[in-house]
Amino acid sequence: MKRDWDVIRQVLLEVEQLTEAQRHAHGYGIGGRGGDADPTKIEHALLLWRSGFIDAINATTNSGPAIISPALTWQGHELLDTIRSKPVWDRIKATAKDKGVELTFDVVKTLGRAALDYVLGGGS
């Protein structure tokens, strides 16, 4: 699987918007409940969980890996705060593409600061 930052952003936004009651009925994976059946989203949610951006209950079964009751960790909130704004996110991706660099967590954080300055400065 190739990491897809747009899917990562989508999962983080989705998890953040869950209410406490929804969290307990939501999951990602074969054994998850109430979650999205999109395999790409599931793989990225599991990646975010394993990397410490999402806290969840391990619900892995013989059917495959799964998590339930997802919530953002402090690190997950920090990442989402960097890529939440659509104009900032678009600027991060455009800058990375223009510079020919792959998006990693460190690159996203660094470009996020520059993109925010650009957006707040009116594009100058």
PDB file of N, CA and C in Angstrom:
ATOM      1  N   MET A   1       0.834  -1.180   0.000  1.00  0.00           N
ATOM      2  CA  MET A   1       0.000   0.000   0.000  1.00  0.00           C
ATOM      3  C   MET A   1       0.880   1.244   0.000  1.00  0.00           C
ATOM      4  N   LYS A   2       0.564   2.163  -0.854  1.00  0.00           N
ATOM      5  CA  LYS A   2       1.238   3.456  -0.878  1.00  0.00           C
ATOM      6  C   LYS A   2       0.439   4.418  -0.004  1.00  0.00           C
ATOM      7  N   ARG A   3       1.143   5.109   0.841  1.00  0.00           N
ATOM      8  CA  ARG A   3       0.491   6.060   1.735  1.00  0.00           C
ATOM      9  C   ARG A   3      -0.161   7.171   0.918  1.00  0.00           C
ATOM     10  N   ASP A   4      -1.409   7.470   1.215  1.00  0.00           N
ATOM     11  CA  ASP A   4      -2.174   8.501   0.518  1.00  0.00           C
ATOM     12  C   ASP A   4      -2.562   9.565   1.547  1.00  0.00           C
ATOM     13  N   TRP A   5      -1.956  10.724   1.455  1.00  0.00           N
ATOM     14  CA  TRP A   5      -2.169  11.772   2.441  1.00  0.00           C
ATOM     15  C   TRP A   5      -3.579  12.332   2.409  1.00  0.00           C
ATOM     16  N   ASP A   6      -4.245  12.286   1.265  1.00  0.00           N
ATOM     17  CA  ASP A   6      -5.640  12.741   1.218  1.00  0.00           C
ATOM     18  C   ASP A   6      -6.530  11.797   2.030  1.00  0.00           C
ATOM     19  N   VAL A   7      -6.254  10.503   1.975  1.00  0.00           N
ATOM     20  CA  VAL A   7      -7.016   9.532   2.770  1.00  0.00           C
ATOM     21  C   VAL A   7      -6.678   9.702   4.246  1.00  0.00           C
ATOM     22  N   ILE A   8      -5.427   9.944   4.559  1.00  0.00           N
ATOM     23  CA  ILE A   8      -5.020  10.187   5.942  1.00  0.00           C
ATOM     24  C   ILE A   8      -5.794  11.380   6.500  1.00  0.00           C
ATOM     25  N   ARG A   9      -5.844  12.448   5.735  1.00  0.00           N
ATOM     26  CA  ARG A   9      -6.591  13.648   6.163  1.00  0.00           C
ATOM     27  C   ARG A   9      -8.064  13.312   6.359  1.00  0.00           C
ATOM     28  N   GLN A  10      -8.639  12.544   5.440  1.00  0.00           N
ATOM     29  CA  GLN A  10     -10.048  12.166   5.521  1.00  0.00           C
ATOM     30  C   GLN A  10     -10.327  11.345   6.791  1.00  0.00           C
ATOM     31  N   VAL A  11      -9.469  10.388   7.099  1.00  0.00           N
ATOM     32  CA  VAL A  11      -9.656   9.554   8.298  1.00  0.00           C
ATOM     33  C   VAL A  11      -9.541  10.406   9.563  1.00  0.00           C
ATOM     34  N   LEU A  12      -8.541  11.271   9.627  1.00  0.00           N
ATOM     35  CA  LEU A  12      -8.370  12.118  10.804  1.00  0.00           C
ATOM     36  C   LEU A  12      -9.588  13.021  11.014  1.00  0.00           C
ATOM     37  N   LEU A  13     -10.085  13.617   9.934  1.00  0.00           N
ATOM     38  CA  LEU A  13     -11.274  14.466  10.036  1.00  0.00           C
ATOM     39  C   LEU A  13     -12.480  13.656  10.506  1.00  0.00           C
ATOM     40  N   GLU A  14     -12.633  12.463   9.965  1.00  0.00           N
ATOM     41  CA  GLU A  14     -13.750  11.587  10.318  1.00  0.00           C
ATOM     42  C   GLU A  14     -13.703  11.203  11.797  1.00  0.00           C
ATOM     43  N   VAL A  15     -12.537  10.800  12.267  1.00  0.00           N
ATOM     44  CA  VAL A  15     -12.397  10.384  13.664  1.00  0.00           C
ATOM     45  C   VAL A  15     -12.646  11.570  14.594  1.00  0.00           C
ATOM     46  N   GLU A  16     -12.139  12.742  14.232  1.00  0.00           N
ATOM     47  CA  GLU A  16     -12.336  13.922  15.081  1.00  0.00           C
ATOM     48  C   GLU A  16     -13.816  14.262  15.242  1.00  0.00           C
ATOM     49  N   GLN A  17     -14.603  14.043  14.208  1.00  0.00           N
ATOM     50  CA  GLN A  17     -16.011  14.432  14.231  1.00  0.00           C
ATOM     51  C   GLN A  17     -16.912  13.442  14.971  1.00  0.00           C
ATOM     52  N   LEU A  18     -16.388  12.289  15.346  1.00  0.00           N
ATOM     53  CA  LEU A  18     -17.206  11.313  16.055  1.00  0.00           C
ATOM     54  C   LEU A  18     -17.552  11.808  17.455  1.00  0.00           C
ATOM     55  N   THR A  19     -18.827  11.686  17.830  1.00  0.00           N
ATOM     56  CA  THR A  19     -19.221  11.976  19.204  1.00  0.00           C
ATOM     57  C   THR A  19     -18.795  10.792  20.062  1.00  0.00           C
ATOM     58  N   GLU A  20     -18.868  10.947  21.370  1.00  0.00           N
ATOM     59  CA  GLU A  20     -18.501   9.854  22.272  1.00  0.00           C
ATOM     60  C   GLU A  20     -19.338   8.608  21.975  1.00  0.00           C
ATOM     61  N   ALA A  21     -20.631   8.784  21.781  1.00  0.00           N
ATOM     62  CA  ALA A  21     -21.507   7.638  21.485  1.00  0.00           C
ATOM     63  C   ALA A  21     -21.152   7.006  20.136  1.00  0.00           C
ATOM     64  N   GLN A  22     -20.868   7.828  19.145  1.00  0.00           N
ATOM     65  CA  GLN A  22     -20.499   7.307  17.826  1.00  0.00           C
ATOM     66  C   GLN A  22     -19.174   6.560  17.867  1.00  0.00           C
ATOM     67  N   ARG A  23     -18.227   7.065  18.672  1.00  0.00           N
ATOM     68  CA  ARG A  23     -16.910   6.411  18.779  1.00  0.00           C
ATOM     69  C   ARG A  23     -17.060   4.950  19.155  1.00  0.00           C
ATOM     70  N   HIS A  24     -17.925   4.669  20.113  1.00  0.00           N
ATOM     71  CA  HIS A  24     -18.063   3.304  20.622  1.00  0.00           C
ATOM     72  C   HIS A  24     -18.744   2.375  19.626  1.00  0.00           C
ATOM     73  N   ALA A  25     -19.384   2.941  18.621  1.00  0.00           N
ATOM     74  CA  ALA A  25     -20.045   2.124  17.605  1.00  0.00           C
ATOM     75  C   ALA A  25     -19.284   2.145  16.286  1.00  0.00           C
ATOM     76  N   HIS A  26     -18.096   2.729  16.275  1.00  0.00           N
ATOM     77  CA  HIS A  26     -17.345   2.905  15.027  1.00  0.00           C
ATOM     78  C   HIS A  26     -16.066   2.080  15.055  1.00  0.00           C
ATOM     79  N   GLY A  27     -15.696   1.596  13.889  1.00  0.00           N
ATOM     80  CA  GLY A  27     -14.455   0.848  13.784  1.00  0.00           C
ATOM     81  C   GLY A  27     -13.935   0.821  12.373  1.00  0.00           C
ATOM     82  N   TYR A  28     -12.740   0.316  12.233  1.00  0.00           N
ATOM     83  CA  TYR A  28     -12.091   0.149  10.936  1.00  0.00           C
ATOM     84  C   TYR A  28     -11.506  -1.251  10.883  1.00  0.00           C
ATOM     85  N   GLY A  29     -11.773  -1.960   9.831  1.00  0.00           N
ATOM     86  CA  GLY A  29     -11.160  -3.268   9.643  1.00  0.00           C
ATOM     87  C   GLY A  29     -12.181  -4.370   9.466  1.00  0.00           C
ATOM     88  N   ILE A  30     -11.670  -5.538   9.185  1.00  0.00           N
ATOM     89  CA  ILE A  30     -12.517  -6.699   8.949  1.00  0.00           C
ATOM     90  C   ILE A  30     -13.426  -6.956  10.146  1.00  0.00           C
ATOM     91  N   GLY A  31     -12.847  -6.883  11.337  1.00  0.00           N
ATOM     92  CA  GLY A  31     -13.626  -7.150  12.540  1.00  0.00           C
ATOM     93  C   GLY A  31     -14.240  -5.905  13.140  1.00  0.00           C
ATOM     94  N   GLY A  32     -14.027  -4.750  12.492  1.00  0.00           N
ATOM     95  CA  GLY A  32     -14.570  -3.502  13.016  1.00  0.00           C
ATOM     96  C   GLY A  32     -16.071  -3.430  12.841  1.00  0.00           C
ATOM     97  N   ARG A  33     -16.690  -2.526  13.554  1.00  0.00           N
ATOM     98  CA  ARG A  33     -18.135  -2.385  13.451  1.00  0.00           C
ATOM     99  C   ARG A  33     -18.464  -0.936  13.136  1.00  0.00           C
ATOM    100  N   GLY A  34     -19.495  -0.752  12.342  1.00  0.00           N
ATOM    101  CA  GLY A  34     -19.969   0.587  12.050  1.00  0.00           C
ATOM    102  C   GLY A  34     -19.000   1.448  11.271  1.00  0.00           C
ATOM    103  N   GLY A  35     -17.982   0.870  10.715  1.00  0.00           N
ATOM    104  CA  GLY A  35     -16.983   1.649   9.996  1.00  0.00           C
ATOM    105  C   GLY A  35     -17.192   1.616   8.494  1.00  0.00           C
ATOM    106  N   ASP A  36     -16.320   2.245   7.829  1.00  0.00           N
ATOM    107  CA  ASP A  36     -16.352   2.309   6.382  1.00  0.00           C
ATOM    108  C   ASP A  36     -15.780   1.021   5.813  1.00  0.00           C
ATOM    109  N   ALA A  37     -16.355   0.529   4.731  1.00  0.00           N
ATOM    110  CA  ALA A  37     -15.882  -0.716   4.119  1.00  0.00           C
ATOM    111  C   ALA A  37     -14.776  -0.468   3.093  1.00  0.00           C
ATOM    112  N   ASP A  38     -14.378   0.766   2.894  1.00  0.00           N
ATOM    113  CA  ASP A  38     -13.343   1.108   1.925  1.00  0.00           C
ATOM    114  C   ASP A  38     -11.993   0.559   2.405  1.00  0.00           C
ATOM    115  N   PRO A  39     -11.415  -0.418   1.681  1.00  0.00           N
ATOM    116  CA  PRO A  39     -10.156  -1.030   2.126  1.00  0.00           C
ATOM    117  C   PRO A  39      -9.005  -0.029   2.260  1.00  0.00           C
ATOM    118  N   THR A  40      -8.961   0.972   1.402  1.00  0.00           N
ATOM    119  CA  THR A  40      -7.896   1.974   1.476  1.00  0.00           C
ATOM    120  C   THR A  40      -8.027   2.781   2.760  1.00  0.00           C
ATOM    121  N   LYS A  41      -9.242   3.167   3.104  1.00  0.00           N
ATOM    122  CA  LYS A  41      -9.472   3.926   4.332  1.00  0.00           C
ATOM    123  C   LYS A  41      -9.139   3.070   5.557  1.00  0.00           C
ATOM    124  N   ILE A  42      -9.513   1.798   5.508  1.00  0.00           N
ATOM    125  CA  ILE A  42      -9.216   0.882   6.612  1.00  0.00           C
ATOM    126  C   ILE A  42      -7.707   0.770   6.811  1.00  0.00           C
ATOM    127  N   GLU A  43      -6.966   0.548   5.720  1.00  0.00           N
ATOM    128  CA  GLU A  43      -5.510   0.416   5.818  1.00  0.00           C
ATOM    129  C   GLU A  43      -4.866   1.672   6.401  1.00  0.00           C
ATOM    130  N   HIS A  44      -5.359   2.836   5.993  1.00  0.00           N
ATOM    131  CA  HIS A  44      -4.789   4.081   6.486  1.00  0.00           C
ATOM    132  C   HIS A  44      -5.179   4.331   7.941  1.00  0.00           C
ATOM    133  N   ALA A  45      -6.394   3.964   8.335  1.00  0.00           N
ATOM    134  CA  ALA A  45      -6.796   4.096   9.739  1.00  0.00           C
ATOM    135  C   ALA A  45      -5.923   3.200  10.615  1.00  0.00           C
ATOM    136  N   LEU A  46      -5.679   1.984  10.162  1.00  0.00           N
ATOM    137  CA  LEU A  46      -4.807   1.075  10.913  1.00  0.00           C
ATOM    138  C   LEU A  46      -3.379   1.616  10.977  1.00  0.00           C
ATOM    139  N   LEU A  47      -2.903   2.198   9.884  1.00  0.00           N
ATOM    140  CA  LEU A  47      -1.570   2.810   9.858  1.00  0.00           C
ATOM    141  C   LEU A  47      -1.492   3.958  10.859  1.00  0.00           C
ATOM    142  N   LEU A  48      -2.519   4.798  10.894  1.00  0.00           N
ATOM    143  CA  LEU A  48      -2.548   5.913  11.841  1.00  0.00           C
ATOM    144  C   LEU A  48      -2.594   5.416  13.284  1.00  0.00           C
ATOM    145  N   TRP A  49      -3.306   4.328  13.508  1.00  0.00           N
ATOM    146  CA  TRP A  49      -3.380   3.730  14.849  1.00  0.00           C
ATOM    147  C   TRP A  49      -2.012   3.179  15.262  1.00  0.00           C
ATOM    148  N   ARG A  50      -1.399   2.419  14.378  1.00  0.00           N
ATOM    149  CA  ARG A  50      -0.095   1.827  14.695  1.00  0.00           C
ATOM    150  C   ARG A  50       0.983   2.885  14.901  1.00  0.00           C
ATOM    151  N   SER A  51       0.797   4.049  14.268  1.00  0.00           N
ATOM    152  CA  SER A  51       1.784   5.133  14.363  1.00  0.00           C
ATOM    153  C   SER A  51       1.514   6.087  15.517  1.00  0.00           C
ATOM    154  N   GLY A  52       0.430   5.857  16.255  1.00  0.00           N
ATOM    155  CA  GLY A  52       0.149   6.670  17.426  1.00  0.00           C
ATOM    156  C   GLY A  52      -0.652   7.931  17.172  1.00  0.00           C
ATOM    157  N   PHE A  53      -1.236   8.080  15.993  1.00  0.00           N
ATOM    158  CA  PHE A  53      -2.058   9.255  15.701  1.00  0.00           C
ATOM    159  C   PHE A  53      -3.512   9.028  16.105  1.00  0.00           C
ATOM    160  N   ILE A  54      -3.906   7.765  16.194  1.00  0.00           N
ATOM    161  CA  ILE A  54      -5.249   7.377  16.638  1.00  0.00           C
ATOM    162  C   ILE A  54      -5.096   6.409  17.801  1.00  0.00           C
ATOM    163  N   ASP A  55      -5.905   6.623  18.827  1.00  0.00           N
ATOM    164  CA  ASP A  55      -6.005   5.678  19.932  1.00  0.00           C
ATOM    165  C   ASP A  55      -7.263   4.866  19.668  1.00  0.00           C
ATOM    166  N   ALA A  56      -7.207   3.568  19.870  1.00  0.00           N
ATOM    167  CA  ALA A  56      -8.364   2.705  19.617  1.00  0.00           C
ATOM    168  C   ALA A  56      -8.174   1.384  20.347  1.00  0.00           C
ATOM    169  N   ILE A  57      -9.230   0.611  20.359  1.00  0.00           N
ATOM    170  CA  ILE A  57      -9.182  -0.730  20.934  1.00  0.00           C
ATOM    171  C   ILE A  57      -8.860  -1.707  19.817  1.00  0.00           C
ATOM    172  N   ASN A  58      -7.881  -2.559  20.049  1.00  0.00           N
ATOM    173  CA  ASN A  58      -7.498  -3.567  19.073  1.00  0.00           C
ATOM    174  C   ASN A  58      -8.611  -4.616  19.021  1.00  0.00           C
ATOM    175  N   ALA A  59      -9.255  -4.752  17.860  1.00  0.00           N
ATOM    176  CA  ALA A  59     -10.340  -5.715  17.691  1.00  0.00           C
ATOM    177  C   ALA A  59      -9.974  -6.756  16.638  1.00  0.00           C
ATOM    178  N   THR A  60      -8.688  -6.996  16.478  1.00  0.00           N
ATOM    179  CA  THR A  60      -8.200  -7.947  15.489  1.00  0.00           C
ATOM    180  C   THR A  60      -8.743  -9.343  15.796  1.00  0.00           C
ATOM    181  N   THR A  61      -9.181 -10.010  14.738  1.00  0.00           N
ATOM    182  CA  THR A  61      -9.687 -11.378  14.860  1.00  0.00           C
ATOM    183  C   THR A  61      -8.972 -12.239  13.819  1.00  0.00           C
ATOM    184  N   ASN A  62      -9.366 -13.487  13.732  1.00  0.00           N
ATOM    185  CA  ASN A  62      -8.821 -14.362  12.692  1.00  0.00           C
ATOM    186  C   ASN A  62      -9.193 -13.869  11.300  1.00  0.00           C
ATOM    187  N   SER A  63     -10.233 -13.043  11.219  1.00  0.00           N
ATOM    188  CA  SER A  63     -10.654 -12.489   9.928  1.00  0.00           C
ATOM    189  C   SER A  63      -9.731 -11.387   9.440  1.00  0.00           C
ATOM    190  N   GLY A  64      -9.004 -10.767  10.362  1.00  0.00           N
ATOM    191  CA  GLY A  64      -8.073  -9.718   9.967  1.00  0.00           C
ATOM    192  C   GLY A  64      -7.970  -8.620  10.997  1.00  0.00           C
ATOM    193  N   PRO A  65      -7.075  -7.647  10.743  1.00  0.00           N
ATOM    194  CA  PRO A  65      -6.858  -6.558  11.691  1.00  0.00           C
ATOM    195  C   PRO A  65      -8.063  -5.624  11.741  1.00  0.00           C
ATOM    196  N   ALA A  66      -8.328  -5.090  12.932  1.00  0.00           N
ATOM    197  CA  ALA A  66      -9.431  -4.148  13.106  1.00  0.00           C
ATOM    198  C   ALA A  66      -9.212  -3.345  14.384  1.00  0.00           C
ATOM    199  N   ILE A  67      -9.791  -2.154  14.396  1.00  0.00           N
ATOM    200  CA  ILE A  67      -9.813  -1.324  15.597  1.00  0.00           C
ATOM    201  C   ILE A  67     -11.235  -0.810  15.789  1.00  0.00           C
ATOM    202  N   ILE A  68     -11.586  -0.559  17.058  1.00  0.00           N
ATOM    203  CA  ILE A  68     -12.879   0.040  17.365  1.00  0.00           C
ATOM    204  C   ILE A  68     -12.668   1.188  18.343  1.00  0.00           C
ATOM    205  N   SER A  69     -13.661   2.048  18.444  1.00  0.00           N
ATOM    206  CA  SER A  69     -13.647   3.218  19.337  1.00  0.00           C
ATOM    207  C   SER A  69     -12.455   4.140  19.071  1.00  0.00           C
ATOM    208  N   PRO A  70     -12.261   4.571  17.818  1.00  0.00           N
ATOM    209  CA  PRO A  70     -11.111   5.425  17.517  1.00  0.00           C
ATOM    210  C   PRO A  70     -11.268   6.836  18.079  1.00  0.00           C
ATOM    211  N   ALA A  71     -10.149   7.402  18.500  1.00  0.00           N
ATOM    212  CA  ALA A  71     -10.075   8.794  18.950  1.00  0.00           C
ATOM    213  C   ALA A  71      -8.694   9.318  18.586  1.00  0.00           C
ATOM    214  N   LEU A  72      -8.615  10.612  18.332  1.00  0.00           N
ATOM    215  CA  LEU A  72      -7.320  11.201  18.010  1.00  0.00           C
ATOM    216  C   LEU A  72      -6.465  11.327  19.259  1.00  0.00           C
ATOM    217  N   THR A  73      -5.193  11.048  19.114  1.00  0.00           N
ATOM    218  CA  THR A  73      -4.228  11.305  20.176  1.00  0.00           C
ATOM    219  C   THR A  73      -3.780  12.767  20.048  1.00  0.00           C
ATOM    220  N   TRP A  74      -2.953  13.206  20.983  1.00  0.00           N
ATOM    221  CA  TRP A  74      -2.407  14.569  20.884  1.00  0.00           C
ATOM    222  C   TRP A  74      -1.682  14.738  19.550  1.00  0.00           C
ATOM    223  N   GLN A  75      -0.870  13.755  19.191  1.00  0.00           N
ATOM    224  CA  GLN A  75      -0.126  13.807  17.938  1.00  0.00           C
ATOM    225  C   GLN A  75      -1.082  13.823  16.736  1.00  0.00           C
ATOM    226  N   GLY A  76      -2.179  13.089  16.826  1.00  0.00           N
ATOM    227  CA  GLY A  76      -3.182  13.091  15.759  1.00  0.00           C
ATOM    228  C   GLY A  76      -3.836  14.452  15.601  1.00  0.00           C
ATOM    229  N   HIS A  77      -4.136  15.096  16.737  1.00  0.00           N
ATOM    230  CA  HIS A  77      -4.704  16.447  16.682  1.00  0.00           C
ATOM    231  C   HIS A  77      -3.709  17.425  16.068  1.00  0.00           C
ATOM    232  N   GLU A  78      -2.440  17.290  16.440  1.00  0.00           N
ATOM    233  CA  GLU A  78      -1.413  18.174  15.895  1.00  0.00           C
ATOM    234  C   GLU A  78      -1.310  18.032  14.373  1.00  0.00           C
ATOM    235  N   LEU A  79      -1.301  16.789  13.905  1.00  0.00           N
ATOM    236  CA  LEU A  79      -1.231  16.560  12.460  1.00  0.00           C
ATOM    237  C   LEU A  79      -2.460  17.115  11.773  1.00  0.00           C
ATOM    238  N   LEU A  80      -3.635  16.831  12.317  1.00  0.00           N
ATOM    239  CA  LEU A  80      -4.862  17.324  11.695  1.00  0.00           C
ATOM    240  C   LEU A  80      -4.907  18.846  11.692  1.00  0.00           C
ATOM    241  N   ASP A  81      -4.457  19.471  12.761  1.00  0.00           N
ATOM    242  CA  ASP A  81      -4.443  20.933  12.792  1.00  0.00           C
ATOM    243  C   ASP A  81      -3.554  21.503  11.684  1.00  0.00           C
ATOM    244  N   THR A  82      -2.521  20.772  11.312  1.00  0.00           N
ATOM    245  CA  THR A  82      -1.634  21.209  10.240  1.00  0.00           C
ATOM    246  C   THR A  82      -2.303  21.096   8.875  1.00  0.00           C
ATOM    247  N   ILE A  83      -3.108  20.057   8.660  1.00  0.00           N
ATOM    248  CA  ILE A  83      -3.657  19.789   7.321  1.00  0.00           C
ATOM    249  C   ILE A  83      -5.169  19.984   7.224  1.00  0.00           C
ATOM    250  N   ARG A  84      -5.796  20.511   8.264  1.00  0.00           N
ATOM    251  CA  ARG A  84      -7.253  20.686   8.274  1.00  0.00           C
ATOM    252  C   ARG A  84      -7.755  21.657   7.202  1.00  0.00           C
ATOM    253  N   SER A  85      -7.170  22.832   7.145  1.00  0.00           N
ATOM    254  CA  SER A  85      -7.612  23.868   6.214  1.00  0.00           C
ATOM    255  C   SER A  85      -7.351  23.430   4.775  1.00  0.00           C
ATOM    256  N   LYS A  86      -8.382  23.449   3.962  1.00  0.00           N
ATOM    257  CA  LYS A  86      -8.253  23.034   2.554  1.00  0.00           C
ATOM    258  C   LYS A  86      -7.237  23.907   1.806  1.00  0.00           C
ATOM    259  N   PRO A  87      -7.282  25.244   1.940  1.00  0.00           N
ATOM    260  CA  PRO A  87      -6.266  26.050   1.238  1.00  0.00           C
ATOM    261  C   PRO A  87      -4.836  25.734   1.691  1.00  0.00           C
ATOM    262  N   VAL A  88      -4.639  25.531   2.982  1.00  0.00           N
ATOM    263  CA  VAL A  88      -3.307  25.205   3.488  1.00  0.00           C
ATOM    264  C   VAL A  88      -2.890  23.829   2.977  1.00  0.00           C
ATOM    265  N   TRP A  89      -3.809  22.858   3.041  1.00  0.00           N
ATOM    266  CA  TRP A  89      -3.514  21.502   2.574  1.00  0.00           C
ATOM    267  C   TRP A  89      -3.159  21.500   1.091  1.00  0.00           C
ATOM    268  N   ASP A  90      -3.934  22.234   0.287  1.00  0.00           N
ATOM    269  CA  ASP A  90      -3.642  22.313  -1.150  1.00  0.00           C
ATOM    270  C   ASP A  90      -2.274  22.951  -1.401  1.00  0.00           C
ATOM    271  N   ARG A  91      -1.933  23.942  -0.608  1.00  0.00           N
ATOM    272  CA  ARG A  91      -0.637  24.613  -0.753  1.00  0.00           C
ATOM    273  C   ARG A  91       0.509  23.675  -0.369  1.00  0.00           C
ATOM    274  N   ILE A  92       0.313  22.878   0.695  1.00  0.00           N
ATOM    275  CA  ILE A  92       1.327  21.903   1.105  1.00  0.00           C
ATOM    276  C   ILE A  92       1.595  20.928  -0.033  1.00  0.00           C
ATOM    277  N   LYS A  93       0.524  20.384  -0.620  1.00  0.00           N
ATOM    278  CA  LYS A  93       0.690  19.408  -1.705  1.00  0.00           C
ATOM    279  C   LYS A  93       1.337  20.040  -2.930  1.00  0.00           C
ATOM    280  N   ALA A  94       0.926  21.262  -3.272  1.00  0.00           N
ATOM    281  CA  ALA A  94       1.485  21.933  -4.448  1.00  0.00           C
ATOM    282  C   ALA A  94       2.974  22.231  -4.250  1.00  0.00           C
ATOM    283  N   THR A  95       3.336  22.683  -3.063  1.00  0.00           N
ATOM    284  CA  THR A  95       4.738  22.992  -2.778  1.00  0.00           C
ATOM    285  C   THR A  95       5.591  21.731  -2.833  1.00  0.00           C
ATOM    286  N   ALA A  96       5.093  20.647  -2.242  1.00  0.00           N
ATOM    287  CA  ALA A  96       5.840  19.380  -2.272  1.00  0.00           C
ATOM    288  C   ALA A  96       6.037  18.914  -3.707  1.00  0.00           C
ATOM    289  N   LYS A  97       4.995  19.031  -4.505  1.00  0.00           N
ATOM    290  CA  LYS A  97       5.087  18.612  -5.909  1.00  0.00           C
ATOM    291  C   LYS A  97       6.082  19.493  -6.670  1.00  0.00           C
ATOM    292  N   ASP A  98       5.993  20.816  -6.467  1.00  0.00           N
ATOM    293  CA  ASP A  98       6.901  21.751  -7.138  1.00  0.00           C
ATOM    294  C   ASP A  98       8.359  21.496  -6.762  1.00  0.00           C
ATOM    295  N   LYS A  99       8.582  21.140  -5.505  1.00  0.00           N
ATOM    296  CA  LYS A  99       9.950  20.914  -5.011  1.00  0.00           C
ATOM    297  C   LYS A  99      10.418  19.486  -5.245  1.00  0.00           C
ATOM    298  N   GLY A 100       9.502  18.618  -5.670  1.00  0.00           N
ATOM    299  CA  GLY A 100       9.866  17.233  -5.942  1.00  0.00           C
ATOM    300  C   GLY A 100      10.173  16.418  -4.703  1.00  0.00           C
ATOM    301  N   VAL A 101       9.474  16.713  -3.595  1.00  0.00           N
ATOM    302  CA  VAL A 101       9.697  15.962  -2.362  1.00  0.00           C
ATOM    303  C   VAL A 101       8.461  15.132  -2.025  1.00  0.00           C
ATOM    304  N   GLU A 102       8.724  13.980  -1.433  1.00  0.00           N
ATOM    305  CA  GLU A 102       7.635  13.115  -0.967  1.00  0.00           C
ATOM    306  C   GLU A 102       7.079  13.673   0.333  1.00  0.00           C
ATOM    307  N   LEU A 103       5.785  13.500   0.531  1.00  0.00           N
ATOM    308  CA  LEU A 103       5.172  13.944   1.768  1.00  0.00           C
ATOM    309  C   LEU A 103       5.449  12.935   2.886  1.00  0.00           C
ATOM    310  N   THR A 104       6.126  13.393   3.904  1.00  0.00           N
ATOM    311  CA  THR A 104       6.335  12.630   5.134  1.00  0.00           C
ATOM    312  C   THR A 104       5.766  13.494   6.250  1.00  0.00           C
ATOM    313  N   PHE A 105       5.683  12.937   7.447  1.00  0.00           N
ATOM    314  CA  PHE A 105       5.165  13.715   8.566  1.00  0.00           C
ATOM    315  C   PHE A 105       5.982  14.999   8.748  1.00  0.00           C
ATOM    316  N   ASP A 106       7.307  14.893   8.736  1.00  0.00           N
ATOM    317  CA  ASP A 106       8.156  16.071   8.932  1.00  0.00           C
ATOM    318  C   ASP A 106       7.990  17.086   7.811  1.00  0.00           C
ATOM    319  N   VAL A 107       7.884  16.609   6.573  1.00  0.00           N
ATOM    320  CA  VAL A 107       7.694  17.514   5.434  1.00  0.00           C
ATOM    321  C   VAL A 107       6.338  18.213   5.550  1.00  0.00           C
ATOM    322  N   VAL A 108       5.296  17.465   5.905  1.00  0.00           N
ATOM    323  CA  VAL A 108       3.963  18.057   6.057  1.00  0.00           C
ATOM    324  C   VAL A 108       3.992  19.148   7.127  1.00  0.00           C
ATOM    325  N   LYS A 109       4.632  18.872   8.268  1.00  0.00           N
ATOM    326  CA  LYS A 109       4.698  19.875   9.338  1.00  0.00           C
ATOM    327  C   LYS A 109       5.473  21.118   8.882  1.00  0.00           C
ATOM    328  N   THR A 110       6.610  20.911   8.216  1.00  0.00           N
ATOM    329  CA  THR A 110       7.428  22.035   7.755  1.00  0.00           C
ATOM    330  C   THR A 110       6.691  22.851   6.694  1.00  0.00           C
ATOM    331  N   LEU A 111       6.140  22.162   5.687  1.00  0.00           N
ATOM    332  CA  LEU A 111       5.414  22.869   4.633  1.00  0.00           C
ATOM    333  C   LEU A 111       4.123  23.482   5.165  1.00  0.00           C
ATOM    334  N   GLY A 112       3.556  22.873   6.199  1.00  0.00           N
ATOM    335  CA  GLY A 112       2.348  23.422   6.804  1.00  0.00           C
ATOM    336  C   GLY A 112       2.585  24.804   7.369  1.00  0.00           C
ATOM    337  N   ARG A 113       3.715  24.974   8.039  1.00  0.00           N
ATOM    338  CA  ARG A 113       4.046  26.295   8.581  1.00  0.00           C
ATOM    339  C   ARG A 113       4.225  27.310   7.437  1.00  0.00           C
ATOM    340  N   ALA A 114       4.940  26.899   6.394  1.00  0.00           N
ATOM    341  CA  ALA A 114       5.163  27.799   5.253  1.00  0.00           C
ATOM    342  C   ALA A 114       3.857  28.100   4.529  1.00  0.00           C
ATOM    343  N   ALA A 115       3.010  27.082   4.369  1.00  0.00           N
ATOM    344  CA  ALA A 115       1.728  27.274   3.674  1.00  0.00           C
ATOM    345  C   ALA A 115       0.818  28.196   4.474  1.00  0.00           C
ATOM    346  N   LEU A 116       0.823  28.042   5.788  1.00  0.00           N
ATOM    347  CA  LEU A 116       0.008  28.914   6.630  1.00  0.00           C
ATOM    348  C   LEU A 116       0.466  30.356   6.505  1.00  0.00           C
ATOM    349  N   ASP A 117       1.768  30.580   6.525  1.00  0.00           N
ATOM    350  CA  ASP A 117       2.298  31.921   6.338  1.00  0.00           C
ATOM    351  C   ASP A 117       1.873  32.479   4.981  1.00  0.00           C
ATOM    352  N   TYR A 118       1.923  31.635   3.945  1.00  0.00           N
ATOM    353  CA  TYR A 118       1.542  32.052   2.600  1.00  0.00           C
ATOM    354  C   TYR A 118       0.067  32.430   2.544  1.00  0.00           C
ATOM    355  N   VAL A 119      -0.792  31.569   3.104  1.00  0.00           N
ATOM    356  CA  VAL A 119      -2.231  31.822   3.075  1.00  0.00           C
ATOM    357  C   VAL A 119      -2.574  33.060   3.914  1.00  0.00           C
ATOM    358  N   LEU A 120      -1.987  33.175   5.095  1.00  0.00           N
ATOM    359  CA  LEU A 120      -2.267  34.327   5.951  1.00  0.00           C
ATOM    360  C   LEU A 120      -1.726  35.626   5.364  1.00  0.00           C
ATOM    361  N   GLY A 121      -0.631  35.508   4.600  1.00  0.00           N
ATOM    362  CA  GLY A 121      -0.038  36.683   3.980  1.00  0.00           C
ATOM    363  C   GLY A 121      -0.720  37.076   2.676  1.00  0.00           C
ATOM    364  N   GLY A 122      -1.766  36.369   2.307  1.00  0.00           N
ATOM    365  CA  GLY A 122      -2.503  36.702   1.089  1.00  0.00           C
ATOM    366  C   GLY A 122      -1.818  36.237  -0.171  1.00  0.00           C
ATOM    367  N   GLY A 123      -0.941  35.234  -0.037  1.00  0.00           N
ATOM    368  CA  GLY A 123      -0.310  34.659  -1.231  1.00  0.00           C
ATOM    369  C   GLY A 123       0.888  35.420  -1.708  1.00  0.00           C
ATOM    370  N   SER A 124       1.453  36.262  -0.860  1.00  0.00           N
ATOM    371  CA  SER A 124       2.621  37.008  -1.307  1.00  0.00           C
ATOM    372  C   SER A 124       3.903  36.365  -0.896  1.00  0.00           C
TER     373      SER A 124
END
